[in-house]
């Protein structure tokens, strides 16, 4: 079974791009490990500077506990840490809008 590619959109608040970048440049090692343990790899986040929309694309390996990632304490701490920079749900999870694949060139 091959990796699954997921893509979604998130939304930054105005004036926070440098801080968002800084926090991701200093990604916590225990969060990186939790992402790997959930089967996530090749994770990209792109910024549309005109709208402050973030476009995330990641690959996940089958058979890993991806759905358990939101239950991890380190994930919850990261969401709390990032909540002041982006649109979030009541539990501080970033608001995400799934993106439908329309084209792939391999």
PDB file of N, CA and C in Angstrom:
ATOM      1  N   UNK A   1       0.844  -1.174   0.000  1.00  0.00           N
ATOM      2  CA  UNK A   1       0.000   0.000   0.000  1.00  0.00           C
ATOM      3  C   UNK A   1       0.892   1.241   0.000  1.00  0.00           C
ATOM      4  N   UNK A   2       0.553   2.218  -0.830  1.00  0.00           N
ATOM      5  CA  UNK A   2       1.386   3.407  -0.953  1.00  0.00           C
ATOM      6  C   UNK A   2       0.957   4.487   0.036  1.00  0.00           C
ATOM      7  N   UNK A   3       1.830   5.474   0.188  1.00  0.00           N
ATOM      8  CA  UNK A   3       1.539   6.611   1.056  1.00  0.00           C
ATOM      9  C   UNK A   3       0.310   7.362   0.562  1.00  0.00           C
ATOM     10  N   UNK A   4      -0.393   7.969   1.491  1.00  0.00           N
ATOM     11  CA  UNK A   4      -1.520   8.827   1.160  1.00  0.00           C
ATOM     12  C   UNK A   4      -1.049  10.277   1.248  1.00  0.00           C
ATOM     13  N   UNK A   5      -1.423  11.094   0.269  1.00  0.00           N
ATOM     14  CA  UNK A   5      -1.106  12.518   0.291  1.00  0.00           C
ATOM     15  C   UNK A   5      -2.348  13.279   0.720  1.00  0.00           C
ATOM     16  N   UNK A   6      -2.188  14.127   1.736  1.00  0.00           N
ATOM     17  CA  UNK A   6      -3.272  14.953   2.241  1.00  0.00           C
ATOM     18  C   UNK A   6      -2.909  16.412   2.040  1.00  0.00           C
ATOM     19  N   UNK A   7      -3.889  17.239   1.725  1.00  0.00           N
ATOM     20  CA  UNK A   7      -3.680  18.676   1.581  1.00  0.00           C
ATOM     21  C   UNK A   7      -4.839  19.402   2.236  1.00  0.00           C
ATOM     22  N   UNK A   8      -4.513  20.519   2.863  1.00  0.00           N
ATOM     23  CA  UNK A   8      -5.540  21.315   3.517  1.00  0.00           C
ATOM     24  C   UNK A   8      -5.083  22.756   3.618  1.00  0.00           C
ATOM     25  N   UNK A   9      -6.037  23.618   3.878  1.00  0.00           N
ATOM     26  CA  UNK A   9      -5.787  25.044   4.012  1.00  0.00           C
ATOM     27  C   UNK A   9      -5.981  25.443   5.463  1.00  0.00           C
ATOM     28  N   UNK A  10      -5.190  26.403   5.931  1.00  0.00           N
ATOM     29  CA  UNK A  10      -5.347  27.023   7.247  1.00  0.00           C
ATOM     30  C   UNK A  10      -5.257  28.533   7.038  1.00  0.00           C
ATOM     31  N   UNK A  11      -5.565  29.303   8.061  1.00  0.00           N
ATOM     32  CA  UNK A  11      -5.593  30.758   7.904  1.00  0.00           C
ATOM     33  C   UNK A  11      -4.820  31.461   9.012  1.00  0.00           C
ATOM     34  N   UNK A  12      -3.844  32.273   8.622  1.00  0.00           N
ATOM     35  CA  UNK A  12      -3.092  33.091   9.573  1.00  0.00           C
ATOM     36  C   UNK A  12      -3.829  34.388   9.856  1.00  0.00           C
ATOM     37  N   UNK A  13      -3.525  34.964  11.015  1.00  0.00           N
ATOM     38  CA  UNK A  13      -3.999  36.299  11.355  1.00  0.00           C
ATOM     39  C   UNK A  13      -3.024  37.321  10.763  1.00  0.00           C
ATOM     40  N   UNK A  14      -3.470  38.545  10.545  1.00  0.00           N
ATOM     41  CA  UNK A  14      -2.576  39.570   9.987  1.00  0.00           C
ATOM     42  C   UNK A  14      -1.381  39.861  10.899  1.00  0.00           C
ATOM     43  N   UNK A  15      -0.238  40.098  10.276  1.00  0.00           N
ATOM     44  CA  UNK A  15       0.957  40.539  10.980  1.00  0.00           C
ATOM     45  C   UNK A  15       1.746  39.479  11.711  1.00  0.00           C
ATOM     46  N   UNK A  16       1.462  38.204  11.477  1.00  0.00           N
ATOM     47  CA  UNK A  16       2.113  37.151  12.262  1.00  0.00           C
ATOM     48  C   UNK A  16       3.032  36.242  11.448  1.00  0.00           C
ATOM     49  N   UNK A  17       3.206  36.534  10.166  1.00  0.00           N
ATOM     50  CA  UNK A  17       3.993  35.623   9.325  1.00  0.00           C
ATOM     51  C   UNK A  17       5.402  35.398   9.879  1.00  0.00           C
ATOM     52  N   UNK A  18       6.148  36.442  10.258  1.00  0.00           N
ATOM     53  CA  UNK A  18       7.498  36.182  10.778  1.00  0.00           C
ATOM     54  C   UNK A  18       7.499  35.298  12.033  1.00  0.00           C
ATOM     55  N   UNK A  19       6.542  35.509  12.918  1.00  0.00           N
ATOM     56  CA  UNK A  19       6.485  34.691  14.137  1.00  0.00           C
ATOM     57  C   UNK A  19       6.078  33.260  13.815  1.00  0.00           C
ATOM     58  N   UNK A  20       5.149  33.080  12.901  1.00  0.00           N
ATOM     59  CA  UNK A  20       4.759  31.735  12.475  1.00  0.00           C
ATOM     60  C   UNK A  20       5.976  31.001  11.907  1.00  0.00           C
ATOM     61  N   UNK A  21       6.721  31.681  11.060  1.00  0.00           N
ATOM     62  CA  UNK A  21       7.930  31.095  10.474  1.00  0.00           C
ATOM     63  C   UNK A  21       8.944  30.740  11.562  1.00  0.00           C
ATOM     64  N   UNK A  22       9.178  31.664  12.501  1.00  0.00           N
ATOM     65  CA  UNK A  22      10.153  31.428  13.565  1.00  0.00           C
ATOM     66  C   UNK A  22       9.777  30.198  14.385  1.00  0.00           C
ATOM     67  N   UNK A  23       8.516  30.098  14.760  1.00  0.00           N
ATOM     68  CA  UNK A  23       8.089  28.958  15.585  1.00  0.00           C
ATOM     69  C   UNK A  23       8.261  27.640  14.839  1.00  0.00           C
ATOM     70  N   UNK A  24       8.004  27.634  13.555  1.00  0.00           N
ATOM     71  CA  UNK A  24       8.193  26.400  12.793  1.00  0.00           C
ATOM     72  C   UNK A  24       9.668  26.111  12.545  1.00  0.00           C
ATOM     73  N   UNK A  25      10.478  27.136  12.412  1.00  0.00           N
ATOM     74  CA  UNK A  25      11.923  26.924  12.287  1.00  0.00           C
ATOM     75  C   UNK A  25      12.501  26.287  13.546  1.00  0.00           C
ATOM     76  N   UNK A  26      11.823  26.496  14.667  1.00  0.00           N
ATOM     77  CA  UNK A  26      12.261  25.949  15.955  1.00  0.00           C
ATOM     78  C   UNK A  26      11.330  24.827  16.414  1.00  0.00           C
ATOM     79  N   UNK A  27      10.841  24.037  15.464  1.00  0.00           N
ATOM     80  CA  UNK A  27       9.907  22.949  15.773  1.00  0.00           C
ATOM     81  C   UNK A  27      10.455  22.082  16.902  1.00  0.00           C
ATOM     82  N   UNK A  28       9.621  21.818  17.868  1.00  0.00           N
ATOM     83  CA  UNK A  28      10.036  21.027  19.020  1.00  0.00           C
ATOM     84  C   UNK A  28      10.407  19.603  18.586  1.00  0.00           C
ATOM     85  N   UNK A  29      11.523  19.093  19.070  1.00  0.00           N
ATOM     86  CA  UNK A  29      11.916  17.719  18.717  1.00  0.00           C
ATOM     87  C   UNK A  29      10.862  16.680  19.095  1.00  0.00           C
ATOM     88  N   UNK A  30      10.187  16.853  20.239  1.00  0.00           N
ATOM     89  CA  UNK A  30       9.178  15.860  20.627  1.00  0.00           C
ATOM     90  C   UNK A  30       7.936  15.934  19.730  1.00  0.00           C
ATOM     91  N   UNK A  31       7.643  17.097  19.160  1.00  0.00           N
ATOM     92  CA  UNK A  31       6.553  17.189  18.196  1.00  0.00           C
ATOM     93  C   UNK A  31       6.957  16.521  16.882  1.00  0.00           C
ATOM     94  N   UNK A  32       8.177  16.761  16.438  1.00  0.00           N
ATOM     95  CA  UNK A  32       8.660  16.111  15.219  1.00  0.00           C
ATOM     96  C   UNK A  32       8.596  14.593  15.371  1.00  0.00           C
ATOM     97  N   UNK A  33       8.961  14.106  16.533  1.00  0.00           N
ATOM     98  CA  UNK A  33       8.906  12.666  16.773  1.00  0.00           C
ATOM     99  C   UNK A  33       7.468  12.157  16.760  1.00  0.00           C
ATOM    100  N   UNK A  34       6.543  12.896  17.353  1.00  0.00           N
ATOM    101  CA  UNK A  34       5.133  12.493  17.350  1.00  0.00           C
ATOM    102  C   UNK A  34       4.584  12.449  15.925  1.00  0.00           C
ATOM    103  N   UNK A  35       4.977  13.410  15.093  1.00  0.00           N
ATOM    104  CA  UNK A  35       4.538  13.406  13.694  1.00  0.00           C
ATOM    105  C   UNK A  35       5.068  12.167  12.975  1.00  0.00           C
ATOM    106  N   UNK A  36       6.350  11.872  13.172  1.00  0.00           N
ATOM    107  CA  UNK A  36       6.939  10.668  12.548  1.00  0.00           C
ATOM    108  C   UNK A  36       6.232   9.399  13.022  1.00  0.00           C
ATOM    109  N   UNK A  37       5.966   9.317  14.323  1.00  0.00           N
ATOM    110  CA  UNK A  37       5.308   8.134  14.881  1.00  0.00           C
ATOM    111  C   UNK A  37       3.880   7.983  14.358  1.00  0.00           C
ATOM    112  N   UNK A  38       3.274   9.087  13.915  1.00  0.00           N
ATOM    113  CA  UNK A  38       1.932   9.036  13.331  1.00  0.00           C
ATOM    114  C   UNK A  38       1.984   8.711  11.837  1.00  0.00           C
ATOM    115  N   UNK A  39       3.198   8.515  11.299  1.00  0.00           N
ATOM    116  CA  UNK A  39       3.354   8.157   9.892  1.00  0.00           C
ATOM    117  C   UNK A  39       3.474   9.347   8.960  1.00  0.00           C
ATOM    118  N   UNK A  40       3.598  10.554   9.494  1.00  0.00           N
ATOM    119  CA  UNK A  40       3.674  11.764   8.673  1.00  0.00           C
ATOM    120  C   UNK A  40       5.118  12.004   8.237  1.00  0.00           C
ATOM    121  N   UNK A  41       5.268  12.317   6.953  1.00  0.00           N
ATOM    122  CA  UNK A  41       6.571  12.692   6.415  1.00  0.00           C
ATOM    123  C   UNK A  41       6.350  13.574   5.194  1.00  0.00           C
ATOM    124  N   UNK A  42       7.398  14.174   4.738  1.00  0.00           N
ATOM    125  CA  UNK A  42       7.346  15.056   3.563  1.00  0.00           C
ATOM    126  C   UNK A  42       6.213  16.079   3.713  1.00  0.00           C
ATOM    127  N   UNK A  43       6.270  16.832   4.807  1.00  0.00           N
ATOM    128  CA  UNK A  43       5.234  17.785   5.198  1.00  0.00           C
ATOM    129  C   UNK A  43       5.673  19.184   4.779  1.00  0.00           C
ATOM    130  N   UNK A  44       4.858  19.838   3.975  1.00  0.00           N
ATOM    131  CA  UNK A  44       5.133  21.183   3.491  1.00  0.00           C
ATOM    132  C   UNK A  44       3.995  22.100   3.894  1.00  0.00           C
ATOM    133  N   UNK A  45       4.318  23.359   4.214  1.00  0.00           N
ATOM    134  CA  UNK A  45       3.312  24.398   4.414  1.00  0.00           C
ATOM    135  C   UNK A  45       3.722  25.581   3.542  1.00  0.00           C
ATOM    136  N   UNK A  46       2.805  26.006   2.678  1.00  0.00           N
ATOM    137  CA  UNK A  46       3.049  27.120   1.771  1.00  0.00           C
ATOM    138  C   UNK A  46       2.170  28.296   2.194  1.00  0.00           C
ATOM    139  N   UNK A  47       2.643  29.508   1.954  1.00  0.00           N
ATOM    140  CA  UNK A  47       1.917  30.732   2.300  1.00  0.00           C
ATOM    141  C   UNK A  47       1.493  31.478   1.048  1.00  0.00           C
ATOM    142  N   UNK A  48       0.222  31.858   0.993  1.00  0.00           N
ATOM    143  CA  UNK A  48      -0.261  32.805  -0.008  1.00  0.00           C
ATOM    144  C   UNK A  48      -0.187  34.170   0.671  1.00  0.00           C
ATOM    145  N   UNK A  49       0.825  34.970   0.324  1.00  0.00           N
ATOM    146  CA  UNK A  49       1.050  36.237   1.008  1.00  0.00           C
ATOM    147  C   UNK A  49      -0.096  37.227   0.834  1.00  0.00           C
ATOM    148  N   UNK A  50      -0.827  37.138  -0.260  1.00  0.00           N
ATOM    149  CA  UNK A  50      -1.932  38.075  -0.499  1.00  0.00           C
ATOM    150  C   UNK A  50      -3.114  37.831   0.436  1.00  0.00           C
ATOM    151  N   UNK A  51      -3.363  36.574   0.798  1.00  0.00           N
ATOM    152  CA  UNK A  51      -4.541  36.246   1.609  1.00  0.00           C
ATOM    153  C   UNK A  51      -4.196  35.728   3.001  1.00  0.00           C
ATOM    154  N   UNK A  52      -2.914  35.459   3.265  1.00  0.00           N
ATOM    155  CA  UNK A  52      -2.432  34.848   4.503  1.00  0.00           C
ATOM    156  C   UNK A  52      -2.967  33.426   4.699  1.00  0.00           C
ATOM    157  N   UNK A  53      -3.395  32.816   3.605  1.00  0.00           N
ATOM    158  CA  UNK A  53      -3.798  31.412   3.656  1.00  0.00           C
ATOM    159  C   UNK A  53      -2.560  30.531   3.633  1.00  0.00           C
ATOM    160  N   UNK A  54      -2.607  29.490   4.418  1.00  0.00           N
ATOM    161  CA  UNK A  54      -1.556  28.479   4.444  1.00  0.00           C
ATOM    162  C   UNK A  54      -2.078  27.248   3.719  1.00  0.00           C
ATOM    163  N   UNK A  55      -1.249  26.651   2.896  1.00  0.00           N
ATOM    164  CA  UNK A  55      -1.601  25.433   2.186  1.00  0.00           C
ATOM    165  C   UNK A  55      -0.627  24.349   2.618  1.00  0.00           C
ATOM    166  N   UNK A  56      -1.145  23.342   3.283  1.00  0.00           N
ATOM    167  CA  UNK A  56      -0.312  22.263   3.800  1.00  0.00           C
ATOM    168  C   UNK A  56      -0.497  21.014   2.947  1.00  0.00           C
ATOM    169  N   UNK A  57       0.621  20.341   2.695  1.00  0.00           N
ATOM    170  CA  UNK A  57       0.619  19.078   1.956  1.00  0.00           C
ATOM    171  C   UNK A  57       1.526  18.133   2.728  1.00  0.00           C
ATOM    172  N   UNK A  58       1.027  16.941   2.999  1.00  0.00           N
ATOM    173  CA  UNK A  58       1.837  15.963   3.711  1.00  0.00           C
ATOM    174  C   UNK A  58       1.561  14.575   3.176  1.00  0.00           C
ATOM    175  N   UNK A  59       2.498  13.713   3.440  1.00  0.00           N
ATOM    176  CA  UNK A  59       2.307  12.298   3.124  1.00  0.00           C
ATOM    177  C   UNK A  59       2.239  11.541   4.432  1.00  0.00           C
ATOM    178  N   UNK A  60       1.382  10.526   4.435  1.00  0.00           N
ATOM    179  CA  UNK A  60       1.299   9.677   5.619  1.00  0.00           C
ATOM    180  C   UNK A  60       1.389   8.227   5.191  1.00  0.00           C
ATOM    181  N   UNK A  61       2.122   7.494   5.979  1.00  0.00           N
ATOM    182  CA  UNK A  61       2.319   6.077   5.719  1.00  0.00           C
ATOM    183  C   UNK A  61       1.125   5.296   6.269  1.00  0.00           C
ATOM    184  N   UNK A  62       0.654   4.300   5.531  1.00  0.00           N
ATOM    185  CA  UNK A  62      -0.459   3.483   6.038  1.00  0.00           C
ATOM    186  C   UNK A  62      -0.024   2.651   7.235  1.00  0.00           C
ATOM    187  N   UNK A  63      -0.974   2.355   8.093  1.00  0.00           N
ATOM    188  CA  UNK A  63      -0.714   1.491   9.235  1.00  0.00           C
ATOM    189  C   UNK A  63      -0.152   2.202  10.449  1.00  0.00           C
ATOM    190  N   UNK A  64      -0.049   3.511  10.423  1.00  0.00           N
ATOM    191  CA  UNK A  64       0.448   4.275  11.561  1.00  0.00           C
ATOM    192  C   UNK A  64      -0.744   4.932  12.262  1.00  0.00           C
ATOM    193  N   UNK A  65      -0.601   5.276  13.545  1.00  0.00           N
ATOM    194  CA  UNK A  65      -1.736   5.819  14.316  1.00  0.00           C
ATOM    195  C   UNK A  65      -1.978   7.313  14.068  1.00  0.00           C
ATOM    196  N   UNK A  66      -2.207   7.681  12.820  1.00  0.00           N
ATOM    197  CA  UNK A  66      -2.420   9.076  12.433  1.00  0.00           C
ATOM    198  C   UNK A  66      -3.577   9.714  13.201  1.00  0.00           C
ATOM    199  N   UNK A  67      -4.678   8.972  13.369  1.00  0.00           N
ATOM    200  CA  UNK A  67      -5.871   9.518  14.017  1.00  0.00           C
ATOM    201  C   UNK A  67      -5.676   9.766  15.511  1.00  0.00           C
ATOM    202  N   UNK A  68      -4.621   9.208  16.094  1.00  0.00           N
ATOM    203  CA  UNK A  68      -4.347   9.411  17.513  1.00  0.00           C
ATOM    204  C   UNK A  68      -3.511  10.662  17.774  1.00  0.00           C
ATOM    205  N   UNK A  69      -2.972  11.266  16.736  1.00  0.00           N
ATOM    206  CA  UNK A  69      -2.107  12.439  16.900  1.00  0.00           C
ATOM    207  C   UNK A  69      -2.785  13.565  17.689  1.00  0.00           C
ATOM    208  N   UNK A  70      -4.059  13.900  17.432  1.00  0.00           N
ATOM    209  CA  UNK A  70      -4.694  14.972  18.205  1.00  0.00           C
ATOM    210  C   UNK A  70      -4.803  14.674  19.706  1.00  0.00           C
ATOM    211  N   UNK A  71      -4.655  13.422  20.102  1.00  0.00           N
ATOM    212  CA  UNK A  71      -4.732  13.049  21.511  1.00  0.00           C
ATOM    213  C   UNK A  71      -3.391  13.178  22.219  1.00  0.00           C
ATOM    214  N   UNK A  72      -2.329  13.383  21.472  1.00  0.00           N
ATOM    215  CA  UNK A  72      -0.988  13.468  22.053  1.00  0.00           C
ATOM    216  C   UNK A  72      -0.816  14.791  22.808  1.00  0.00           C
ATOM    217  N   UNK A  73      -0.325  14.761  24.047  1.00  0.00           N
ATOM    218  CA  UNK A  73      -0.121  16.007  24.800  1.00  0.00           C
ATOM    219  C   UNK A  73       0.758  17.023  24.070  1.00  0.00           C
ATOM    220  N   UNK A  74       1.785  16.560  23.363  1.00  0.00           N
ATOM    221  CA  UNK A  74       2.649  17.500  22.652  1.00  0.00           C
ATOM    222  C   UNK A  74       1.895  18.202  21.531  1.00  0.00           C
ATOM    223  N   UNK A  75       0.962  17.509  20.896  1.00  0.00           N
ATOM    224  CA  UNK A  75       0.165  18.133  19.836  1.00  0.00           C
ATOM    225  C   UNK A  75      -0.748  19.202  20.433  1.00  0.00           C
ATOM    226  N   UNK A  76      -1.360  18.903  21.567  1.00  0.00           N
ATOM    227  CA  UNK A  76      -2.230  19.866  22.249  1.00  0.00           C
ATOM    228  C   UNK A  76      -1.433  21.102  22.684  1.00  0.00           C
ATOM    229  N   UNK A  77      -0.217  20.890  23.200  1.00  0.00           N
ATOM    230  CA  UNK A  77       0.631  22.030  23.602  1.00  0.00           C
ATOM    231  C   UNK A  77       0.988  22.882  22.397  1.00  0.00           C
ATOM    232  N   UNK A  78       1.281  22.239  21.246  1.00  0.00           N
ATOM    233  CA  UNK A  78       1.615  22.984  20.027  1.00  0.00           C
ATOM    234  C   UNK A  78       0.423  23.825  19.571  1.00  0.00           C
ATOM    235  N   UNK A  79      -0.758  23.229  19.590  1.00  0.00           N
ATOM    236  CA  UNK A  79      -1.946  23.987  19.196  1.00  0.00           C
ATOM    237  C   UNK A  79      -2.134  25.205  20.092  1.00  0.00           C
ATOM    238  N   UNK A  80      -1.965  25.023  21.396  1.00  0.00           N
ATOM    239  CA  UNK A  80      -2.084  26.159  22.323  1.00  0.00           C
ATOM    240  C   UNK A  80      -1.036  27.223  22.019  1.00  0.00           C
ATOM    241  N   UNK A  81       0.174  26.793  21.719  1.00  0.00           N
ATOM    242  CA  UNK A  81       1.295  27.682  21.404  1.00  0.00           C
ATOM    243  C   UNK A  81       1.035  28.484  20.133  1.00  0.00           C
ATOM    244  N   UNK A  82       0.377  27.882  19.167  1.00  0.00           N
ATOM    245  CA  UNK A  82       0.147  28.518  17.867  1.00  0.00           C
ATOM    246  C   UNK A  82      -1.192  29.266  17.779  1.00  0.00           C
ATOM    247  N   UNK A  83      -2.070  29.104  18.746  1.00  0.00           N
ATOM    248  CA  UNK A  83      -3.443  29.620  18.653  1.00  0.00           C
ATOM    249  C   UNK A  83      -3.514  31.127  18.473  1.00  0.00           C
ATOM    250  N   UNK A  84      -2.553  31.865  18.976  1.00  0.00           N
ATOM    251  CA  UNK A  84      -2.611  33.320  18.842  1.00  0.00           C
ATOM    252  C   UNK A  84      -2.259  33.802  17.434  1.00  0.00           C
ATOM    253  N   UNK A  85      -1.790  32.900  16.582  1.00  0.00           N
ATOM    254  CA  UNK A  85      -1.331  33.284  15.248  1.00  0.00           C
ATOM    255  C   UNK A  85      -2.303  32.934  14.130  1.00  0.00           C
ATOM    256  N   UNK A  86      -3.290  32.105  14.416  1.00  0.00           N
ATOM    257  CA  UNK A  86      -4.122  31.592  13.330  1.00  0.00           C
ATOM    258  C   UNK A  86      -5.558  31.374  13.771  1.00  0.00           C
ATOM    259  N   UNK A  87      -6.428  31.165  12.796  1.00  0.00           N
ATOM    260  CA  UNK A  87      -7.807  30.820  13.111  1.00  0.00           C
ATOM    261  C   UNK A  87      -7.828  29.408  13.689  1.00  0.00           C
ATOM    262  N   UNK A  88      -8.543  29.257  14.809  1.00  0.00           N
ATOM    263  CA  UNK A  88      -8.563  27.972  15.504  1.00  0.00           C
ATOM    264  C   UNK A  88      -9.986  27.582  15.891  1.00  0.00           C
ATOM    265  N   UNK A  89     -10.143  26.310  16.186  1.00  0.00           N
ATOM    266  CA  UNK A  89     -11.390  25.768  16.723  1.00  0.00           C
ATOM    267  C   UNK A  89     -11.413  26.041  18.236  1.00  0.00           C
ATOM    268  N   UNK A  90     -12.532  25.785  18.914  1.00  0.00           N
ATOM    269  CA  UNK A  90     -12.599  26.046  20.360  1.00  0.00           C
ATOM    270  C   UNK A  90     -11.521  25.333  21.187  1.00  0.00           C
ATOM    271  N   UNK A  91     -11.016  24.187  20.718  1.00  0.00           N
ATOM    272  CA  UNK A  91      -9.970  23.466  21.449  1.00  0.00           C
ATOM    273  C   UNK A  91      -8.559  23.887  21.013  1.00  0.00           C
ATOM    274  N   UNK A  92      -8.454  24.981  20.251  1.00  0.00           N
ATOM    275  CA  UNK A  92      -7.202  25.535  19.721  1.00  0.00           C
ATOM    276  C   UNK A  92      -6.617  24.746  18.552  1.00  0.00           C
ATOM    277  N   UNK A  93      -7.298  23.731  18.109  1.00  0.00           N
ATOM    278  CA  UNK A  93      -6.882  23.026  16.886  1.00  0.00           C
ATOM    279  C   UNK A  93      -6.992  24.020  15.732  1.00  0.00           C
ATOM    280  N   UNK A  94      -5.978  24.098  14.863  1.00  0.00           N
ATOM    281  CA  UNK A  94      -6.106  25.020  13.724  1.00  0.00           C
ATOM    282  C   UNK A  94      -7.324  24.660  12.872  1.00  0.00           C
ATOM    283  N   UNK A  95      -8.065  25.678  12.467  1.00  0.00           N
ATOM    284  CA  UNK A  95      -9.157  25.433  11.512  1.00  0.00           C
ATOM    285  C   UNK A  95      -8.525  24.934  10.222  1.00  0.00           C
ATOM    286  N   UNK A  96      -9.064  23.861   9.694  1.00  0.00           N
ATOM    287  CA  UNK A  96      -8.536  23.270   8.465  1.00  0.00           C
ATOM    288  C   UNK A  96      -9.664  23.057   7.475  1.00  0.00           C
ATOM    289  N   UNK A  97      -9.353  23.369   6.235  1.00  0.00           N
ATOM    290  CA  UNK A  97     -10.269  23.119   5.141  1.00  0.00           C
ATOM    291  C   UNK A  97      -9.579  22.135   4.210  1.00  0.00           C
ATOM    292  N   UNK A  98     -10.109  20.910   4.072  1.00  0.00           N
ATOM    293  CA  UNK A  98      -9.491  19.929   3.181  1.00  0.00           C
ATOM    294  C   UNK A  98      -9.486  20.443   1.740  1.00  0.00           C
ATOM    295  N   UNK A  99      -8.448  20.092   1.023  1.00  0.00           N
ATOM    296  CA  UNK A  99      -8.337  20.452  -0.390  1.00  0.00           C
ATOM    297  C   UNK A  99      -8.475  19.194  -1.234  1.00  0.00           C
ATOM    298  N   UNK A 100      -9.275  19.276  -2.256  1.00  0.00           N
ATOM    299  CA  UNK A 100      -9.546  18.148  -3.134  1.00  0.00           C
ATOM    300  C   UNK A 100      -8.491  18.100  -4.239  1.00  0.00           C
ATOM    301  N   UNK A 101      -7.848  16.950  -4.429  1.00  0.00           N
ATOM    302  CA  UNK A 101      -6.875  16.844  -5.525  1.00  0.00           C
ATOM    303  C   UNK A 101      -7.573  16.889  -6.880  1.00  0.00           C
ATOM    304  N   UNK A 102      -7.025  17.692  -7.766  1.00  0.00           N
ATOM    305  CA  UNK A 102      -7.570  17.800  -9.117  1.00  0.00           C
ATOM    306  C   UNK A 102      -6.567  17.380 -10.189  1.00  0.00           C
ATOM    307  N   UNK A 103      -5.286  17.420  -9.877  1.00  0.00           N
ATOM    308  CA  UNK A 103      -4.268  17.097 -10.854  1.00  0.00           C
ATOM    309  C   UNK A 103      -3.020  16.639 -10.141  1.00  0.00           C
ATOM    310  N   UNK A 104      -2.367  15.632 -10.699  1.00  0.00           N
ATOM    311  CA  UNK A 104      -1.086  15.148 -10.180  1.00  0.00           C
ATOM    312  C   UNK A 104      -0.218  14.758 -11.353  1.00  0.00           C
ATOM    313  N   UNK A 105       0.980  15.237 -11.362  1.00  0.00           N
ATOM    314  CA  UNK A 105       1.965  14.849 -12.379  1.00  0.00           C
ATOM    315  C   UNK A 105       3.090  14.150 -11.659  1.00  0.00           C
ATOM    316  N   UNK A 106       3.383  12.942 -12.069  1.00  0.00           N
ATOM    317  CA  UNK A 106       4.433  12.160 -11.418  1.00  0.00           C
ATOM    318  C   UNK A 106       5.472  11.770 -12.438  1.00  0.00           C
TER     319      UNK A 106
END
